Amino acid sequence: MLGTFQHSSLRIELAASQQQIRDSLVRPAQFRQWLAPQTFSAGLPDSLQTGTVFTSWLGPVAVRHQVEQVEANSIRLVMSQGIDGFHQWYWGEGWVQSTLEGVSLLPLNLGQTLSLLRLRHFLSQL
């Protein structure tokens, strides 16, 4: 894979419950809303489970995601194609942390920051 190795961990506070945060991260009907304009493959289950595989696109760039683990307060996604690496989310009452590591030509920290800000905005509207 072409690109540079990148690593970033960001944590923000949110005005949301642990369950609201979890639903926003593991329910495709919700994450499709706050991750727009990113699009996702059809046929996703109501809730992500270990072993679920799907593709997302940001313009022409496709990223394949495989759900490696889903817990009560975390989810880990292994990524390939546009990003070779992983994305780990942790959350609790009023906070979320995103750890992203991979090789890509994309500016991963910028995308991660924008995603967290969009998540915060989405949850403030609930």
N, C-alpha and C. Protein backbone atom coordinates (compact mmCIF):
# COMPACT_ATOMS: atom_id res chain seq x y z
N MET A 1 0.84 -1.18 0.00
CA MET A 1 0.00 0.00 0.00
C MET A 1 0.88 1.24 0.00
N LEU A 2 0.53 2.18 -0.82
CA LEU A 2 1.23 3.46 -0.85
C LEU A 2 0.67 4.37 0.22
N GLY A 3 1.52 5.21 0.76
CA GLY A 3 1.08 6.16 1.76
C GLY A 3 2.05 6.19 2.92
N THR A 4 1.65 6.88 3.94
CA THR A 4 2.47 6.97 5.14
C THR A 4 1.75 6.36 6.32
N PHE A 5 2.54 5.84 7.26
CA PHE A 5 1.97 5.30 8.48
C PHE A 5 1.52 6.47 9.35
N GLN A 6 0.29 6.39 9.83
CA GLN A 6 -0.28 7.46 10.65
C GLN A 6 -0.94 6.84 11.88
N HIS A 7 -0.85 7.56 13.00
CA HIS A 7 -1.47 7.12 14.24
C HIS A 7 -2.05 8.33 14.94
N SER A 8 -3.29 8.20 15.40
CA SER A 8 -3.93 9.30 16.09
C SER A 8 -4.94 8.77 17.10
N SER A 9 -4.96 9.36 18.29
CA SER A 9 -5.97 9.07 19.30
C SER A 9 -6.58 10.39 19.75
N LEU A 10 -7.89 10.50 19.63
CA LEU A 10 -8.60 11.70 20.03
C LEU A 10 -9.74 11.32 20.97
N ARG A 11 -9.97 12.15 21.97
CA ARG A 11 -11.06 11.92 22.92
C ARG A 11 -11.79 13.24 23.11
N ILE A 12 -13.13 13.18 23.06
CA ILE A 12 -13.92 14.38 23.28
C ILE A 12 -15.05 14.07 24.25
N GLU A 13 -15.54 15.13 24.86
CA GLU A 13 -16.71 15.02 25.72
C GLU A 13 -17.94 15.33 24.89
N LEU A 14 -19.03 14.63 25.21
CA LEU A 14 -20.29 14.78 24.49
C LEU A 14 -21.44 14.89 25.48
N ALA A 15 -22.46 15.60 25.10
CA ALA A 15 -23.67 15.67 25.92
C ALA A 15 -24.58 14.52 25.50
N ALA A 16 -24.16 13.28 25.83
CA ALA A 16 -24.91 12.10 25.41
C ALA A 16 -24.64 10.96 26.37
N SER A 17 -25.60 10.05 26.45
CA SER A 17 -25.44 8.87 27.30
C SER A 17 -24.56 7.84 26.60
N GLN A 18 -24.08 6.91 27.37
CA GLN A 18 -23.28 5.81 26.83
C GLN A 18 -24.07 5.06 25.76
N GLN A 19 -25.37 4.82 25.99
CA GLN A 19 -26.19 4.09 25.02
C GLN A 19 -26.39 4.88 23.74
N GLN A 20 -26.59 6.20 23.83
CA GLN A 20 -26.74 7.02 22.63
C GLN A 20 -25.46 7.00 21.79
N ILE A 21 -24.32 7.06 22.47
CA ILE A 21 -23.04 7.02 21.75
C ILE A 21 -22.87 5.67 21.08
N ARG A 22 -23.15 4.59 21.82
CA ARG A 22 -23.02 3.24 21.26
C ARG A 22 -23.89 3.08 20.02
N ASP A 23 -25.15 3.48 20.12
CA ASP A 23 -26.06 3.35 18.98
C ASP A 23 -25.56 4.13 17.77
N SER A 24 -24.96 5.30 18.00
CA SER A 24 -24.45 6.11 16.90
C SER A 24 -23.26 5.46 16.19
N LEU A 25 -22.56 4.59 16.90
CA LEU A 25 -21.38 3.94 16.34
C LEU A 25 -21.64 2.55 15.78
N VAL A 26 -22.61 1.83 16.29
CA VAL A 26 -22.82 0.45 15.84
C VAL A 26 -24.09 0.26 15.02
N ARG A 27 -24.94 1.27 14.91
CA ARG A 27 -26.16 1.16 14.12
C ARG A 27 -26.00 1.94 12.81
N PRO A 28 -25.93 1.21 11.68
CA PRO A 28 -25.72 1.87 10.38
C PRO A 28 -26.74 2.97 10.07
N ALA A 29 -28.00 2.80 10.48
CA ALA A 29 -28.99 3.83 10.21
C ALA A 29 -28.59 5.16 10.85
N GLN A 30 -27.86 5.09 11.97
CA GLN A 30 -27.42 6.31 12.63
C GLN A 30 -26.09 6.81 12.08
N PHE A 31 -25.08 5.92 11.93
CA PHE A 31 -23.78 6.45 11.49
C PHE A 31 -23.80 6.91 10.04
N ARG A 32 -24.76 6.44 9.25
CA ARG A 32 -24.90 6.96 7.89
C ARG A 32 -25.24 8.45 7.93
N GLN A 33 -25.99 8.88 8.95
CA GLN A 33 -26.40 10.28 9.06
C GLN A 33 -25.22 11.19 9.39
N TRP A 34 -24.44 10.84 10.41
CA TRP A 34 -23.40 11.77 10.83
C TRP A 34 -22.09 11.62 10.07
N LEU A 35 -21.94 10.54 9.31
CA LEU A 35 -20.72 10.37 8.51
C LEU A 35 -20.89 10.83 7.06
N ALA A 36 -22.06 11.40 6.73
CA ALA A 36 -22.25 11.94 5.38
C ALA A 36 -21.19 13.01 5.13
N PRO A 37 -20.62 13.10 3.95
CA PRO A 37 -21.02 12.53 2.68
C PRO A 37 -20.45 11.13 2.40
N GLN A 38 -19.82 10.52 3.37
CA GLN A 38 -19.34 9.15 3.20
C GLN A 38 -20.54 8.25 2.95
N THR A 39 -20.41 7.29 2.03
CA THR A 39 -21.49 6.36 1.74
C THR A 39 -21.05 4.94 2.10
N PHE A 40 -22.03 4.05 2.25
CA PHE A 40 -21.76 2.69 2.73
C PHE A 40 -22.46 1.67 1.86
N SER A 41 -21.89 0.47 1.82
CA SER A 41 -22.48 -0.61 1.04
C SER A 41 -23.87 -0.95 1.57
N ALA A 42 -24.69 -1.47 0.68
CA ALA A 42 -26.06 -1.85 1.03
C ALA A 42 -26.05 -3.17 1.80
N GLY A 43 -27.15 -3.45 2.45
CA GLY A 43 -27.31 -4.75 3.10
C GLY A 43 -26.70 -4.88 4.47
N LEU A 44 -26.38 -3.76 5.11
CA LEU A 44 -25.83 -3.83 6.46
C LEU A 44 -26.92 -4.25 7.46
N PRO A 45 -26.56 -4.98 8.49
CA PRO A 45 -27.55 -5.37 9.51
C PRO A 45 -27.98 -4.14 10.31
N ASP A 46 -29.01 -4.30 11.15
CA ASP A 46 -29.48 -3.20 12.00
C ASP A 46 -28.39 -2.73 12.96
N SER A 47 -27.54 -3.65 13.38
CA SER A 47 -26.47 -3.35 14.32
C SER A 47 -25.22 -4.13 13.91
N LEU A 48 -24.07 -3.47 13.92
CA LEU A 48 -22.82 -4.16 13.56
C LEU A 48 -22.51 -5.24 14.58
N GLN A 49 -22.01 -6.36 14.07
CA GLN A 49 -21.63 -7.49 14.91
C GLN A 49 -20.25 -7.97 14.48
N THR A 50 -19.57 -8.69 15.36
CA THR A 50 -18.27 -9.26 15.02
C THR A 50 -18.42 -10.06 13.73
N GLY A 51 -17.52 -9.81 12.80
CA GLY A 51 -17.54 -10.51 11.51
C GLY A 51 -18.21 -9.76 10.39
N THR A 52 -18.99 -8.72 10.69
CA THR A 52 -19.63 -7.92 9.65
C THR A 52 -18.56 -7.28 8.78
N VAL A 53 -18.75 -7.35 7.46
CA VAL A 53 -17.84 -6.73 6.50
C VAL A 53 -18.64 -5.78 5.63
N PHE A 54 -18.13 -4.57 5.45
CA PHE A 54 -18.80 -3.60 4.60
C PHE A 54 -17.76 -2.66 4.01
N THR A 55 -18.17 -1.92 3.00
CA THR A 55 -17.30 -0.97 2.33
C THR A 55 -17.89 0.42 2.47
N SER A 56 -17.01 1.40 2.67
CA SER A 56 -17.43 2.79 2.67
C SER A 56 -16.67 3.51 1.56
N TRP A 57 -17.27 4.59 1.08
CA TRP A 57 -16.65 5.39 0.04
C TRP A 57 -16.68 6.85 0.43
N LEU A 58 -15.58 7.51 0.24
CA LEU A 58 -15.53 8.96 0.33
C LEU A 58 -15.05 9.42 -1.03
N GLY A 59 -16.00 9.82 -1.86
CA GLY A 59 -15.69 10.08 -3.26
C GLY A 59 -15.25 8.78 -3.91
N PRO A 60 -14.13 8.79 -4.62
CA PRO A 60 -13.68 7.58 -5.32
C PRO A 60 -12.90 6.61 -4.43
N VAL A 61 -12.62 6.99 -3.19
CA VAL A 61 -11.78 6.17 -2.31
C VAL A 61 -12.66 5.19 -1.53
N ALA A 62 -12.39 3.89 -1.73
CA ALA A 62 -13.12 2.84 -1.02
C ALA A 62 -12.27 2.32 0.14
N VAL A 63 -12.94 2.07 1.25
CA VAL A 63 -12.29 1.47 2.41
C VAL A 63 -13.14 0.27 2.84
N ARG A 64 -12.50 -0.89 2.90
CA ARG A 64 -13.19 -2.10 3.37
C ARG A 64 -13.01 -2.19 4.88
N HIS A 65 -14.12 -2.43 5.58
CA HIS A 65 -14.11 -2.53 7.04
C HIS A 65 -14.55 -3.94 7.44
N GLN A 66 -13.84 -4.53 8.37
CA GLN A 66 -14.27 -5.79 8.96
C GLN A 66 -14.37 -5.57 10.47
N VAL A 67 -15.55 -5.83 11.02
CA VAL A 67 -15.75 -5.65 12.46
C VAL A 67 -15.05 -6.81 13.17
N GLU A 68 -14.00 -6.47 13.90
CA GLU A 68 -13.22 -7.49 14.60
C GLU A 68 -13.79 -7.77 16.00
N GLN A 69 -14.37 -6.74 16.61
CA GLN A 69 -14.85 -6.90 17.97
C GLN A 69 -15.90 -5.84 18.27
N VAL A 70 -16.99 -6.24 18.94
CA VAL A 70 -18.00 -5.31 19.44
C VAL A 70 -18.24 -5.67 20.90
N GLU A 71 -18.05 -4.69 21.76
CA GLU A 71 -18.28 -4.87 23.20
C GLU A 71 -19.29 -3.84 23.67
N ALA A 72 -19.61 -3.86 24.95
CA ALA A 72 -20.57 -2.92 25.51
C ALA A 72 -20.11 -1.47 25.36
N ASN A 73 -18.80 -1.24 25.40
CA ASN A 73 -18.30 0.13 25.29
C ASN A 73 -17.12 0.28 24.32
N SER A 74 -17.04 -0.61 23.32
CA SER A 74 -15.99 -0.45 22.32
C SER A 74 -16.33 -1.22 21.05
N ILE A 75 -15.72 -0.78 19.96
CA ILE A 75 -15.81 -1.49 18.68
C ILE A 75 -14.46 -1.33 17.99
N ARG A 76 -14.02 -2.40 17.34
CA ARG A 76 -12.74 -2.37 16.61
C ARG A 76 -13.00 -2.82 15.18
N LEU A 77 -12.55 -1.99 14.24
CA LEU A 77 -12.70 -2.25 12.81
C LEU A 77 -11.32 -2.39 12.18
N VAL A 78 -11.11 -3.45 11.42
CA VAL A 78 -9.89 -3.62 10.64
C VAL A 78 -10.20 -3.12 9.24
N MET A 79 -9.32 -2.26 8.70
CA MET A 79 -9.57 -1.63 7.42
C MET A 79 -8.54 -2.04 6.38
N SER A 80 -8.98 -2.05 5.11
CA SER A 80 -8.06 -2.33 4.01
C SER A 80 -8.52 -1.52 2.80
N GLN A 81 -7.77 -1.54 1.76
CA GLN A 81 -7.93 -0.80 0.51
C GLN A 81 -7.44 0.62 0.70
N GLY A 82 -8.30 1.63 0.82
CA GLY A 82 -7.87 3.03 0.93
C GLY A 82 -7.10 3.34 2.20
N ILE A 83 -7.32 2.54 3.25
CA ILE A 83 -6.59 2.65 4.51
C ILE A 83 -6.28 1.22 4.95
N ASP A 84 -5.03 0.93 5.19
CA ASP A 84 -4.66 -0.38 5.73
C ASP A 84 -4.31 -0.18 7.20
N GLY A 85 -5.22 -0.62 8.07
CA GLY A 85 -4.99 -0.43 9.50
C GLY A 85 -6.20 -0.79 10.32
N PHE A 86 -6.42 -0.05 11.40
CA PHE A 86 -7.57 -0.32 12.26
C PHE A 86 -8.13 0.99 12.83
N HIS A 87 -9.38 0.91 13.25
CA HIS A 87 -10.05 2.02 13.93
C HIS A 87 -10.73 1.44 15.15
N GLN A 88 -10.36 1.93 16.31
CA GLN A 88 -10.92 1.46 17.59
C GLN A 88 -11.67 2.62 18.22
N TRP A 89 -12.91 2.35 18.63
CA TRP A 89 -13.72 3.33 19.34
C TRP A 89 -13.96 2.83 20.76
N TYR A 90 -13.83 3.72 21.73
CA TYR A 90 -14.20 3.47 23.12
C TYR A 90 -15.16 4.58 23.54
N TRP A 91 -16.10 4.27 24.43
CA TRP A 91 -17.01 5.31 24.89
C TRP A 91 -17.49 5.01 26.31
N GLY A 92 -18.02 6.05 26.91
CA GLY A 92 -18.61 5.96 28.24
C GLY A 92 -19.64 7.06 28.38
N GLU A 93 -20.09 7.30 29.57
CA GLU A 93 -21.09 8.33 29.81
C GLU A 93 -20.49 9.70 29.54
N GLY A 94 -20.89 10.34 28.44
CA GLY A 94 -20.44 11.69 28.13
C GLY A 94 -19.10 11.83 27.43
N TRP A 95 -18.52 10.75 26.94
CA TRP A 95 -17.24 10.85 26.23
C TRP A 95 -17.10 9.75 25.19
N VAL A 96 -16.25 10.01 24.20
CA VAL A 96 -15.90 9.02 23.18
C VAL A 96 -14.43 9.21 22.83
N GLN A 97 -13.76 8.11 22.55
CA GLN A 97 -12.35 8.14 22.13
C GLN A 97 -12.20 7.33 20.85
N SER A 98 -11.48 7.88 19.91
CA SER A 98 -11.23 7.25 18.63
C SER A 98 -9.72 7.07 18.47
N THR A 99 -9.30 5.84 18.21
CA THR A 99 -7.89 5.56 17.93
C THR A 99 -7.82 4.99 16.52
N LEU A 100 -7.03 5.63 15.71
CA LEU A 100 -6.92 5.28 14.30
C LEU A 100 -5.46 5.08 13.96
N GLU A 101 -5.16 3.97 13.30
CA GLU A 101 -3.79 3.67 12.92
C GLU A 101 -3.80 3.00 11.56
N GLY A 102 -2.97 3.48 10.65
CA GLY A 102 -2.93 2.84 9.36
C GLY A 102 -2.00 3.52 8.38
N VAL A 103 -1.89 2.90 7.23
CA VAL A 103 -1.11 3.42 6.11
C VAL A 103 -2.10 3.91 5.07
N SER A 104 -1.94 5.16 4.66
CA SER A 104 -2.86 5.73 3.68
C SER A 104 -2.27 7.00 3.08
N LEU A 105 -2.76 7.35 1.90
CA LEU A 105 -2.44 8.64 1.31
C LEU A 105 -3.35 9.73 1.88
N LEU A 106 -4.47 9.32 2.48
CA LEU A 106 -5.43 10.25 3.04
C LEU A 106 -4.91 10.87 4.34
N PRO A 107 -5.30 12.10 4.66
CA PRO A 107 -4.92 12.72 5.94
C PRO A 107 -5.84 12.19 7.05
N LEU A 108 -5.46 11.10 7.68
CA LEU A 108 -6.34 10.40 8.62
C LEU A 108 -6.73 11.25 9.82
N ASN A 109 -5.80 12.02 10.37
CA ASN A 109 -6.12 12.82 11.54
C ASN A 109 -7.18 13.87 11.23
N LEU A 110 -7.10 14.47 10.07
CA LEU A 110 -8.10 15.47 9.67
C LEU A 110 -9.48 14.82 9.56
N GLY A 111 -9.55 13.68 8.88
CA GLY A 111 -10.82 12.97 8.75
C GLY A 111 -11.38 12.54 10.09
N GLN A 112 -10.50 12.08 10.97
CA GLN A 112 -10.91 11.63 12.31
C GLN A 112 -11.47 12.82 13.11
N THR A 113 -10.80 13.95 13.05
CA THR A 113 -11.26 15.14 13.77
C THR A 113 -12.63 15.59 13.27
N LEU A 114 -12.79 15.65 11.95
CA LEU A 114 -14.08 16.05 11.38
C LEU A 114 -15.18 15.07 11.76
N SER A 115 -14.87 13.78 11.76
CA SER A 115 -15.87 12.78 12.14
C SER A 115 -16.31 12.95 13.58
N LEU A 116 -15.38 13.19 14.48
CA LEU A 116 -15.74 13.39 15.89
C LEU A 116 -16.59 14.64 16.08
N LEU A 117 -16.27 15.70 15.36
CA LEU A 117 -17.08 16.91 15.44
C LEU A 117 -18.49 16.68 14.89
N ARG A 118 -18.59 15.92 13.81
CA ARG A 118 -19.91 15.58 13.26
C ARG A 118 -20.70 14.71 14.22
N LEU A 119 -20.02 13.76 14.87
CA LEU A 119 -20.68 12.91 15.87
C LEU A 119 -21.20 13.76 17.02
N ARG A 120 -20.39 14.67 17.52
CA ARG A 120 -20.82 15.55 18.62
C ARG A 120 -22.06 16.35 18.20
N HIS A 121 -22.04 16.91 17.00
CA HIS A 121 -23.19 17.67 16.52
C HIS A 121 -24.43 16.78 16.40
N PHE A 122 -24.27 15.61 15.83
CA PHE A 122 -25.39 14.67 15.67
C PHE A 122 -26.00 14.34 17.02
N LEU A 123 -25.18 14.01 17.99
CA LEU A 123 -25.69 13.64 19.32
C LEU A 123 -26.32 14.82 20.05
N SER A 124 -25.89 16.03 19.76
CA SER A 124 -26.50 17.20 20.40
C SER A 124 -27.90 17.46 19.88
N GLN A 125 -28.23 16.89 18.71
CA GLN A 125 -29.54 17.07 18.11
C GLN A 125 -30.57 16.04 18.58
N LEU A 126 -30.12 15.02 19.31
CA LEU A 126 -31.05 13.96 19.76
C LEU A 126 -31.91 14.43 20.91
